[in-house]
Protein backbone atom coordinates (compact mmCIF):
# COMPACT_ATOMS: atom_id res chain seq x y z
CA MET A 1 -28.93 39.71 -26.07
CA ASP A 2 -29.95 43.34 -26.05
CA MET A 3 -27.90 45.76 -28.20
CA ALA A 4 -28.17 48.27 -25.33
CA LEU A 5 -25.35 46.25 -23.78
CA PHE A 6 -23.03 47.93 -26.30
CA THR A 7 -24.77 51.28 -26.77
CA SER A 8 -26.13 52.49 -23.43
CA PHE A 9 -24.31 53.76 -20.37
CA GLU A 10 -27.42 53.38 -18.20
CA GLY A 11 -28.25 50.59 -15.79
CA ARG A 12 -26.44 47.59 -14.42
CA ILE A 13 -25.21 44.25 -15.77
CA PRO A 14 -24.07 41.11 -13.95
CA ARG A 15 -20.68 39.46 -14.44
CA SER A 16 -22.05 36.98 -16.99
CA GLN A 17 -23.22 39.75 -19.34
CA PHE A 18 -19.97 41.65 -18.76
CA TRP A 19 -17.87 38.65 -19.82
CA LEU A 20 -20.16 37.83 -22.76
CA GLY A 21 -19.91 41.42 -24.00
CA VAL A 22 -16.13 41.50 -23.59
CA VAL A 23 -15.71 38.21 -25.48
CA ILE A 24 -18.02 39.35 -28.31
CA LEU A 25 -16.14 42.64 -28.68
CA PHE A 26 -12.78 40.83 -28.60
CA VAL A 27 -13.79 38.30 -31.28
CA VAL A 28 -15.37 40.88 -33.61
CA GLU A 29 -12.38 43.21 -33.19
CA TRP A 30 -9.90 40.46 -34.03
CA ILE A 31 -11.92 39.43 -37.08
CA LEU A 32 -11.86 43.03 -38.32
CA TRP A 33 -8.12 43.26 -37.65
CA LEU A 34 -7.54 40.08 -39.66
CA ILE A 35 -9.68 41.35 -42.55
CA LEU A 36 -7.86 44.69 -42.59
CA ALA A 37 -4.49 42.99 -42.32
CA SER A 38 -5.25 40.84 -45.33
CA LEU A 39 -6.53 43.87 -47.27
CA PHE A 40 -3.33 45.78 -46.48
CA GLY A 41 -1.12 42.79 -47.23
CA MET A 42 0.11 42.31 -43.70
CA ARG A 43 0.80 38.70 -42.80
CA MET A 44 1.95 37.52 -39.40
CA MET A 45 3.99 34.77 -41.06
CA SER A 46 5.93 37.42 -43.00
CA VAL A 47 7.32 38.89 -39.78
CA ASP A 48 11.04 38.15 -39.61
CA PRO A 49 12.29 37.93 -36.02
CA GLN A 50 15.81 38.60 -37.32
CA ASP A 51 14.74 41.94 -38.82
CA PRO A 52 12.94 44.01 -36.17
CA ALA A 53 13.24 47.15 -38.31
CA ALA A 54 11.14 45.56 -41.09
CA THR A 55 8.56 44.46 -38.53
CA MET A 56 8.41 48.01 -37.15
CA ARG A 57 7.97 49.47 -40.64
CA MET A 58 5.11 47.05 -41.32
CA MET A 59 3.44 47.97 -38.02
CA MET A 60 3.83 51.71 -38.72
CA GLU A 61 2.08 51.28 -42.08
CA PHE A 62 -0.78 49.49 -40.33
CA ARG A 63 -1.10 51.90 -37.37
CA ILE A 64 -3.93 54.06 -38.79
CA PRO A 65 -6.30 51.13 -39.47
CA LEU A 66 -5.47 49.70 -36.04
CA LEU A 67 -6.19 53.04 -34.40
CA VAL A 68 -9.52 53.38 -36.24
CA ILE A 69 -10.62 49.91 -35.13
CA ALA A 70 -9.57 50.60 -31.55
CA LEU A 71 -11.52 53.86 -31.48
CA VAL A 72 -14.62 52.22 -32.98
CA PHE A 73 -14.59 49.59 -30.21
CA LEU A 74 -13.86 52.08 -27.43
CA TYR A 75 -17.48 53.26 -27.13
CA PRO A 76 -19.10 49.81 -26.75
CA ALA A 77 -16.34 48.70 -24.37
CA LEU A 78 -16.86 51.76 -22.18
CA ALA A 79 -20.63 51.14 -22.21
CA ILE A 80 -20.07 47.61 -20.90
CA TYR A 81 -17.51 48.75 -18.33
CA THR A 82 -19.77 51.55 -17.08
CA LYS A 83 -22.74 49.27 -16.55
CA ARG A 84 -20.54 46.81 -14.69
CA TRP A 85 -19.16 49.59 -12.44
CA HIS A 86 -22.76 50.63 -11.84
CA ASP A 87 -23.55 47.11 -10.68
CA ARG A 88 -20.70 47.46 -8.19
CA GLY A 89 -22.28 50.72 -6.95
CA LYS A 90 -19.64 52.96 -8.51
CA SER A 91 -19.51 55.57 -11.25
CA GLY A 92 -18.45 54.61 -14.75
CA TRP A 93 -15.57 57.05 -14.33
CA TRP A 94 -13.86 54.24 -12.43
CA SER A 95 -12.94 52.88 -15.88
CA LEU A 96 -10.15 55.44 -15.85
CA ILE A 97 -8.37 53.17 -13.38
CA LEU A 98 -7.28 51.21 -16.46
CA LEU A 99 -4.86 54.06 -17.21
CA ILE A 100 -2.79 53.25 -14.11
CA PRO A 101 -0.06 50.81 -15.20
CA LEU A 102 -0.23 47.28 -13.77
CA ILE A 103 -2.40 48.04 -10.73
CA GLY A 104 -5.26 49.56 -12.75
CA PRO A 105 -5.98 46.57 -15.02
CA ILE A 106 -5.69 44.16 -12.07
CA TRP A 107 -8.08 46.26 -9.99
CA PHE A 108 -10.49 46.51 -12.95
CA LEU A 109 -10.38 42.75 -13.55
CA VAL A 110 -11.08 41.94 -9.90
CA GLU A 111 -13.83 44.56 -9.44
CA CYS A 112 -15.66 44.11 -12.74
CA GLY A 113 -14.85 40.55 -13.68
CA CYS A 114 -14.80 38.68 -10.38
CA LEU A 115 -16.79 40.43 -7.66
CA ARG A 116 -20.57 40.31 -7.39
CA GLY A 117 -22.47 43.56 -7.75
CA THR A 118 -24.31 45.21 -4.91
CA GLU A 119 -27.29 43.17 -3.81
CA GLY A 120 -30.66 44.76 -4.35
CA PRO A 121 -31.29 48.09 -6.03
CA ASN A 122 -28.74 50.88 -5.94
CA GLU A 123 -28.61 54.40 -7.37
CA TYR A 124 -28.03 52.99 -10.87
CA GLY A 125 -31.02 50.65 -11.00
CA PRO A 126 -32.43 47.35 -9.82
CA ASP A 127 -30.29 44.29 -9.16
CA PRO A 128 -29.82 42.53 -12.53
CA LEU A 129 -29.71 39.12 -10.81
CA PRO A 130 -32.97 37.50 -9.79
CA ALA A 131 -33.49 37.23 -6.06
């Protein structure tokens, strides 16, 4: 796998590379979250469902590391999303549809995760699938 999948906003990728990239990012992000949680002493088993205030305090203490991890993974995620939108013949700015509650993520999932890209070359490059 080419690292340009996570670093470049140019070109097109098929659904298979999109899903592979999303799964890799998800797994690596969760591993980092678990490492940071253990370093900061946060344990999921220590969450008391009877004391939501304590759970909220624990989450507030952990919010900065969570935010840093989320921001680090934003760039590679947007690179993957953009290349997938390009394969659909659309601008990477379509990723902003994710900001629309409920409808946006569903639209994104259908467009980028389920539908085939435009056949043949388009303005963003050649068809990534062999003919």
